[in-house]
C-alpha atoms as a PDB file:
ATOM      1  CA  MET A   1    -230.249 -36.637  30.694  1.00  0.00           C
ATOM      2  CA  THR A   2    -227.391 -38.758  29.483  1.00  0.00           C
ATOM      3  CA  ASN A   3    -223.806 -38.598  30.636  1.00  0.00           C
ATOM      4  CA  SER A   4    -222.628 -36.967  27.404  1.00  0.00           C
ATOM      5  CA  SER A   5    -225.305 -34.253  27.498  1.00  0.00           C
ATOM      6  CA  SER A   6    -224.475 -33.645  31.152  1.00  0.00           C
ATOM      7  CA  THR A   7    -220.821 -33.258  30.231  1.00  0.00           C
ATOM      8  CA  TYR A   8    -221.580 -30.838  27.408  1.00  0.00           C
ATOM      9  CA  LEU A   9    -223.893 -28.811  29.638  1.00  0.00           C
ATOM     10  CA  GLY A  10    -221.165 -28.632  32.311  1.00  0.00           C
ATOM     11  CA  ILE A  11    -218.631 -27.461  29.734  1.00  0.00           C
ATOM     12  CA  VAL A  12    -220.982 -24.750  28.438  1.00  0.00           C
ATOM     13  CA  VAL A  13    -221.889 -23.530  31.937  1.00  0.00           C
ATOM     14  CA  GLY A  14    -218.214 -23.549  32.976  1.00  0.00           C
ATOM     15  CA  ALA A  15    -217.239 -21.578  29.881  1.00  0.00           C
ATOM     16  CA  ALA A  16    -219.989 -19.043  30.556  1.00  0.00           C
ATOM     17  CA  ILE A  17    -218.893 -18.577  34.167  1.00  0.00           C
ATOM     18  CA  GLY A  18    -215.251 -18.286  33.069  1.00  0.00           C
ATOM     19  CA  ALA A  19    -216.186 -15.672  30.464  1.00  0.00           C
ATOM     20  CA  VAL A  20    -218.085 -13.608  33.044  1.00  0.00           C
ATOM     21  CA  ILE A  21    -215.180 -13.733  35.528  1.00  0.00           C
ATOM     22  CA  THR A  22    -212.668 -12.847  32.789  1.00  0.00           C
ATOM     23  CA  TRP A  23    -214.795  -9.884  31.663  1.00  0.00           C
ATOM     24  CA  TRP A  24    -215.130  -8.665  35.265  1.00  0.00           C
ATOM     25  CA  VAL A  25    -211.365  -8.881  35.898  1.00  0.00           C
ATOM     26  CA  TYR A  26    -210.645  -7.089  32.606  1.00  0.00           C
ATOM     27  CA  ASN A  27    -212.960  -4.207  33.497  1.00  0.00           C
ATOM     28  CA  ARG A  28    -211.387  -3.903  36.951  1.00  0.00           C
ATOM     29  CA  GLN A  29    -207.889  -3.753  35.436  1.00  0.00           C
ATOM     30  CA  LYS A  30    -208.978  -1.114  32.943  1.00  0.00           C
ATOM     31  CA  GLY A  31    -210.177   1.025  35.858  1.00  0.00           C
ATOM     32  CA  TYR A  32    -206.830   0.653  37.614  1.00  0.00           C
ATOM     33  CA  LEU A  33    -204.972   1.642  34.439  1.00  0.00           C
ATOM     34  CA  LYS A  34    -207.032   4.838  34.236  1.00  0.00           C
ATOM     35  CA  GLN A  35    -206.342   5.509  37.910  1.00  0.00           C
ATOM     36  CA  ASP A  36    -202.600   4.990  37.382  1.00  0.00           C
ATOM     37  CA  HIS A  37    -202.650   7.425  34.447  1.00  0.00           C
ATOM     38  CA  VAL A  38    -204.441  10.058  36.540  1.00  0.00           C
ATOM     39  CA  LEU A  39    -201.989   9.613  39.426  1.00  0.00           C
ATOM     40  CA  GLN A  40    -199.036   9.937  37.061  1.00  0.00           C
ATOM     41  CA  ARG A  41    -200.484  13.161  35.636  1.00  0.00           C
ATOM     42  CA  VAL A  42    -201.066  14.530  39.160  1.00  0.00           C
ATOM     43  CA  ASN A  43    -197.413  13.823  40.024  1.00  0.00           C
ATOM     44  CA  GLU A  44    -196.259  15.658  36.878  1.00  0.00           C
ATOM     45  CA  LEU A  45    -198.423  18.660  37.753  1.00  0.00           C
ATOM     46  CA  GLU A  46    -197.095  18.638  41.313  1.00  0.00           C
ATOM     47  CA  LYS A  47    -193.512  18.756  40.010  1.00  0.00           C
ATOM     48  CA  GLN A  48    -194.375  21.653  37.719  1.00  0.00           C
ATOM     49  CA  ASN A  49    -196.098  23.515  40.549  1.00  0.00           C
ATOM     50  CA  THR A  50    -193.074  22.993  42.803  1.00  0.00           C
ATOM     51  CA  HIS A  51    -190.848  24.482  40.093  1.00  0.00           C
ATOM     52  CA  VAL A  52    -193.145  27.507  39.736  1.00  0.00           C
ATOM     53  CA  LEU A  53    -193.261  28.029  43.508  1.00  0.00           C
ATOM     54  CA  MET A  54    -189.470  27.920  43.733  1.00  0.00           C
ATOM     55  CA  TYR A  55    -189.244  30.495  40.946  1.00  0.00           C
ATOM     56  CA  LEU A  56    -191.771  32.754  42.702  1.00  0.00           C
ATOM     57  CA  GLU A  57    -189.853  32.461  45.974  1.00  0.00           C
ATOM     58  CA  THR A  58    -186.617  33.446  44.246  1.00  0.00           C
ATOM     59  CA  PHE A  59    -188.363  36.362  42.571  1.00  0.00           C
ATOM     60  CA  ALA A  60    -189.837  37.539  45.890  1.00  0.00           C
ATOM     61  CA  LYS A  61    -186.418  37.440  47.590  1.00  0.00           C
ATOM     62  CA  HIS A  62    -184.871  39.412  44.745  1.00  0.00           C
ATOM     63  CA  HIS A  63    -187.735  41.921  44.911  1.00  0.00           C
ATOM     64  CA  ASP A  64    -187.256  42.368  48.671  1.00  0.00           C
ATOM     65  CA  GLU A  65    -183.530  42.905  48.210  1.00  0.00           C
ATOM     66  CA  LEU A  66    -184.157  45.594  45.607  1.00  0.00           C
ATOM     67  CA  LEU A  67    -186.677  47.334  47.831  1.00  0.00           C
ATOM     68  CA  ASN A  68    -184.226  47.275  50.738  1.00  0.00           C
ATOM     69  CA  LYS A  69    -181.520  48.797  48.517  1.00  0.00           C
ATOM     70  CA  ILE A  70    -183.866  51.530  47.346  1.00  0.00           C
ATOM     71  CA  VAL A  71    -185.071  52.382  50.858  1.00  0.00           C
ATOM     72  CA  CYS A  72    -181.597  52.402  52.463  1.00  0.00           C
END
């Protein structure tokens, strides 16, 4: 094997290894982006649920007050 063929072979092998590493990193980042989207959606749902729970608590207090007024 000559020096030039050795050089070309090294370039091709290096490019192949670089392509595999780049593809692997890209796929890992894509997974993290999906995870971030899911976490953001969970936070939005948690805020909505907190709002609903506060409304239900207010409604329950009002209901108890009305019952107390009716009984007394």
